């Protein structure tokens, strides 16, 4: 298993330039913020790639309790799927 992870990392390294790790991002307009685990740039076309590794046991898509986020995104359900998507 570890060998596969190393091969995958080497393949990515050959295709991407690392811009930063643990990059804090925010939008004053939307009043939201978060941290990107790895921000990279494609060597091929210059597009940006966001790598964000999650360690939760599960990603909850359905909102069992009908809870919503706070403004300005109060129309979104309060689930970790939505949190990570933002």
N, C-alpha and C. Protein backbone atom coordinates (compact mmCIF):
# COMPACT_ATOMS: atom_id res chain seq x y z
N UNK A 1 0.83 -1.20 0.00
CA UNK A 1 0.00 0.00 0.00
C UNK A 1 0.87 1.26 0.00
N UNK A 2 1.91 1.27 0.81
CA UNK A 2 2.80 2.43 0.88
C UNK A 2 3.48 2.67 -0.46
N UNK A 3 3.87 1.60 -1.15
CA UNK A 3 4.52 1.74 -2.46
C UNK A 3 3.62 2.44 -3.46
N UNK A 4 2.33 2.11 -3.43
CA UNK A 4 1.37 2.77 -4.34
C UNK A 4 1.27 4.26 -4.04
N UNK A 5 1.27 4.61 -2.77
CA UNK A 5 1.19 6.02 -2.38
C UNK A 5 2.43 6.77 -2.85
N UNK A 6 3.59 6.16 -2.74
CA UNK A 6 4.83 6.80 -3.18
C UNK A 6 4.81 6.98 -4.70
N UNK A 7 4.36 5.96 -5.43
CA UNK A 7 4.27 6.07 -6.89
C UNK A 7 3.31 7.18 -7.30
N UNK A 8 2.18 7.26 -6.61
CA UNK A 8 1.20 8.31 -6.92
C UNK A 8 1.78 9.69 -6.65
N UNK A 9 2.48 9.83 -5.53
CA UNK A 9 3.08 11.12 -5.18
C UNK A 9 4.14 11.52 -6.20
N UNK A 10 4.95 10.58 -6.64
CA UNK A 10 5.98 10.88 -7.64
C UNK A 10 5.35 11.29 -8.97
N UNK A 11 4.28 10.61 -9.35
CA UNK A 11 3.58 10.94 -10.61
C UNK A 11 3.03 12.36 -10.54
N UNK A 12 2.44 12.71 -9.40
CA UNK A 12 1.91 14.07 -9.24
C UNK A 12 3.03 15.10 -9.25
N UNK A 13 4.14 14.78 -8.59
CA UNK A 13 5.26 15.71 -8.50
C UNK A 13 5.81 16.05 -9.88
N UNK A 14 5.81 15.08 -10.79
CA UNK A 14 6.31 15.31 -12.14
C UNK A 14 5.36 16.17 -12.97
N UNK A 15 4.10 16.25 -12.56
CA UNK A 15 3.10 16.99 -13.33
C UNK A 15 2.75 18.35 -12.72
N UNK A 16 3.11 18.56 -11.46
CA UNK A 16 2.67 19.75 -10.74
C UNK A 16 3.82 20.51 -10.12
N UNK A 17 3.67 21.83 -10.04
CA UNK A 17 4.56 22.66 -9.24
C UNK A 17 3.80 23.03 -7.98
N UNK A 18 4.41 22.82 -6.83
CA UNK A 18 3.74 23.12 -5.57
C UNK A 18 3.78 24.62 -5.33
N UNK A 19 2.60 25.19 -5.11
CA UNK A 19 2.47 26.62 -4.84
C UNK A 19 2.53 26.85 -3.33
N UNK A 20 1.89 25.97 -2.56
CA UNK A 20 1.91 26.12 -1.11
C UNK A 20 1.17 24.99 -0.43
N UNK A 21 1.44 24.85 0.85
CA UNK A 21 0.75 23.86 1.68
C UNK A 21 0.07 24.58 2.84
N UNK A 22 -1.03 24.00 3.30
CA UNK A 22 -1.80 24.60 4.40
C UNK A 22 -2.08 26.07 4.12
N UNK A 23 -2.58 26.35 2.91
CA UNK A 23 -2.87 27.72 2.50
C UNK A 23 -4.23 28.15 3.05
N UNK A 24 -4.24 29.24 3.76
CA UNK A 24 -5.49 29.79 4.28
C UNK A 24 -6.12 30.62 3.17
N UNK A 25 -7.39 30.34 2.89
CA UNK A 25 -8.13 31.07 1.87
C UNK A 25 -9.39 31.65 2.51
N UNK A 26 -9.85 32.78 1.97
CA UNK A 26 -11.05 33.40 2.52
C UNK A 26 -11.71 34.29 1.50
N UNK A 27 -12.96 34.58 1.76
CA UNK A 27 -13.71 35.52 0.94
C UNK A 27 -14.38 36.51 1.89
N UNK A 28 -13.90 37.76 1.89
CA UNK A 28 -14.56 38.77 2.72
C UNK A 28 -16.01 39.00 2.27
N UNK A 29 -16.24 38.84 0.97
CA UNK A 29 -17.58 39.03 0.43
C UNK A 29 -18.55 37.98 0.97
N UNK A 30 -18.14 36.71 0.94
CA UNK A 30 -19.00 35.62 1.42
C UNK A 30 -18.86 35.37 2.93
N UNK A 31 -17.84 35.96 3.52
CA UNK A 31 -17.57 35.79 4.95
C UNK A 31 -17.35 34.32 5.31
N UNK A 32 -16.55 33.63 4.48
CA UNK A 32 -16.18 32.25 4.75
C UNK A 32 -14.67 32.11 4.58
N UNK A 33 -14.10 31.11 5.25
CA UNK A 33 -12.67 30.88 5.17
C UNK A 33 -12.39 29.39 5.37
N UNK A 34 -11.20 28.99 4.98
CA UNK A 34 -10.80 27.60 5.15
C UNK A 34 -9.32 27.43 4.87
N UNK A 35 -8.87 26.20 4.92
CA UNK A 35 -7.47 25.89 4.67
C UNK A 35 -7.37 24.80 3.60
N UNK A 36 -6.54 25.05 2.59
CA UNK A 36 -6.28 24.07 1.54
C UNK A 36 -5.03 23.30 1.94
N UNK A 37 -5.10 21.97 1.91
CA UNK A 37 -3.94 21.16 2.30
C UNK A 37 -2.77 21.36 1.35
N UNK A 38 -3.03 21.35 0.04
CA UNK A 38 -1.97 21.50 -0.95
C UNK A 38 -2.50 22.25 -2.16
N UNK A 39 -1.83 23.34 -2.53
CA UNK A 39 -2.18 24.09 -3.72
C UNK A 39 -1.04 23.92 -4.71
N UNK A 40 -1.36 23.46 -5.92
CA UNK A 40 -0.35 23.20 -6.94
C UNK A 40 -0.79 23.80 -8.26
N UNK A 41 0.17 23.88 -9.19
CA UNK A 41 -0.09 24.42 -10.52
C UNK A 41 0.39 23.40 -11.54
N UNK A 42 -0.44 23.12 -12.52
CA UNK A 42 -0.12 22.15 -13.56
C UNK A 42 1.05 22.64 -14.41
N UNK A 43 2.06 21.78 -14.59
CA UNK A 43 3.18 22.13 -15.46
C UNK A 43 2.75 22.15 -16.92
N UNK A 44 1.68 21.41 -17.23
CA UNK A 44 1.23 21.29 -18.61
C UNK A 44 0.48 22.53 -19.10
N UNK A 45 -0.54 22.96 -18.34
CA UNK A 45 -1.38 24.06 -18.84
C UNK A 45 -1.50 25.25 -17.88
N UNK A 46 -0.83 25.20 -16.74
CA UNK A 46 -0.86 26.33 -15.81
C UNK A 46 -2.10 26.43 -14.95
N UNK A 47 -3.00 25.44 -15.06
CA UNK A 47 -4.21 25.48 -14.22
C UNK A 47 -3.85 25.11 -12.78
N UNK A 48 -4.65 25.58 -11.85
CA UNK A 48 -4.41 25.30 -10.44
C UNK A 48 -5.12 24.02 -10.03
N UNK A 49 -4.52 23.32 -9.09
CA UNK A 49 -5.06 22.08 -8.56
C UNK A 49 -5.11 22.21 -7.04
N UNK A 50 -6.28 21.92 -6.48
CA UNK A 50 -6.45 21.94 -5.03
C UNK A 50 -6.52 20.50 -4.54
N UNK A 51 -5.63 20.15 -3.62
CA UNK A 51 -5.64 18.82 -3.03
C UNK A 51 -6.00 19.00 -1.56
N UNK A 52 -7.06 18.36 -1.14
CA UNK A 52 -7.53 18.51 0.23
C UNK A 52 -7.89 17.14 0.76
N UNK A 53 -7.06 16.61 1.64
CA UNK A 53 -7.24 15.25 2.14
C UNK A 53 -8.15 15.25 3.37
N UNK A 54 -9.18 14.43 3.33
CA UNK A 54 -10.12 14.32 4.45
C UNK A 54 -9.90 13.02 5.20
N UNK A 55 -10.04 13.09 6.51
CA UNK A 55 -9.79 11.90 7.34
C UNK A 55 -11.03 11.45 8.11
N UNK A 56 -12.19 12.01 7.79
CA UNK A 56 -13.42 11.59 8.46
C UNK A 56 -13.76 10.14 8.13
N UNK A 57 -14.49 9.50 9.03
CA UNK A 57 -14.95 8.14 8.76
C UNK A 57 -15.98 8.13 7.64
N UNK A 58 -16.77 9.19 7.54
CA UNK A 58 -17.77 9.26 6.49
C UNK A 58 -18.05 10.72 6.14
N UNK A 59 -18.59 10.92 4.96
CA UNK A 59 -19.01 12.24 4.52
C UNK A 59 -20.54 12.22 4.49
N UNK A 60 -21.14 13.04 5.33
CA UNK A 60 -22.60 13.09 5.42
C UNK A 60 -23.15 14.04 4.36
N UNK A 61 -23.90 13.46 3.42
CA UNK A 61 -24.51 14.25 2.36
C UNK A 61 -25.91 14.69 2.77
N UNK A 62 -26.63 13.79 3.42
CA UNK A 62 -27.99 14.11 3.83
C UNK A 62 -28.02 14.80 5.19
N UNK A 63 -28.91 15.75 5.32
CA UNK A 63 -29.09 16.50 6.56
C UNK A 63 -30.25 15.86 7.33
N UNK A 64 -29.91 15.05 8.32
CA UNK A 64 -30.93 14.32 9.10
C UNK A 64 -31.76 15.24 9.99
N UNK A 65 -31.22 16.39 10.36
CA UNK A 65 -31.86 17.25 11.35
C UNK A 65 -32.45 18.52 10.73
N UNK A 66 -32.38 18.65 9.41
CA UNK A 66 -32.90 19.83 8.72
C UNK A 66 -32.31 21.13 9.26
N UNK A 67 -30.99 21.10 9.49
CA UNK A 67 -30.26 22.28 9.94
C UNK A 67 -29.63 22.97 8.73
N UNK A 68 -29.53 24.28 8.82
CA UNK A 68 -28.96 25.06 7.73
C UNK A 68 -27.78 25.88 8.24
N UNK A 69 -26.93 26.29 7.31
CA UNK A 69 -25.77 27.10 7.64
C UNK A 69 -26.22 28.52 8.03
N UNK A 70 -25.27 29.27 8.53
CA UNK A 70 -25.52 30.65 8.91
C UNK A 70 -25.37 31.56 7.68
N UNK A 71 -25.95 32.78 7.74
CA UNK A 71 -25.81 33.73 6.64
C UNK A 71 -24.33 34.00 6.35
N UNK A 72 -23.97 34.21 5.12
CA UNK A 72 -24.80 34.45 3.94
C UNK A 72 -25.12 33.17 3.16
N UNK A 73 -24.83 32.01 3.74
CA UNK A 73 -25.08 30.75 3.02
C UNK A 73 -26.17 29.93 3.71
N UNK A 74 -27.15 30.61 4.25
CA UNK A 74 -28.23 29.98 5.03
C UNK A 74 -29.10 29.04 4.21
N UNK A 75 -28.98 29.09 2.90
CA UNK A 75 -29.77 28.20 2.03
C UNK A 75 -29.13 26.81 1.91
N UNK A 76 -27.90 26.64 2.42
CA UNK A 76 -27.20 25.35 2.34
C UNK A 76 -27.39 24.53 3.61
N UNK A 77 -27.54 23.24 3.44
CA UNK A 77 -27.68 22.35 4.60
C UNK A 77 -26.38 22.27 5.37
N UNK A 78 -26.47 22.09 6.68
CA UNK A 78 -25.31 22.03 7.56
C UNK A 78 -24.81 20.59 7.66
N UNK A 79 -24.06 20.17 6.64
CA UNK A 79 -23.47 18.83 6.62
C UNK A 79 -21.98 18.97 6.33
N UNK A 80 -21.20 17.94 6.70
CA UNK A 80 -19.77 18.05 6.42
C UNK A 80 -19.49 18.00 4.92
N UNK A 81 -20.38 17.42 4.12
CA UNK A 81 -20.24 17.45 2.67
C UNK A 81 -20.23 18.90 2.16
N UNK A 82 -21.16 19.70 2.65
CA UNK A 82 -21.23 21.10 2.27
C UNK A 82 -20.03 21.86 2.82
N UNK A 83 -19.65 21.59 4.07
CA UNK A 83 -18.49 22.27 4.67
C UNK A 83 -17.25 22.05 3.81
N UNK A 84 -17.00 20.81 3.44
CA UNK A 84 -15.81 20.49 2.64
C UNK A 84 -15.93 21.04 1.23
N UNK A 85 -17.11 21.07 0.70
CA UNK A 85 -17.31 21.61 -0.64
C UNK A 85 -16.98 23.09 -0.72
N UNK A 86 -17.26 23.80 0.35
CA UNK A 86 -16.95 25.22 0.37
C UNK A 86 -15.47 25.44 0.47
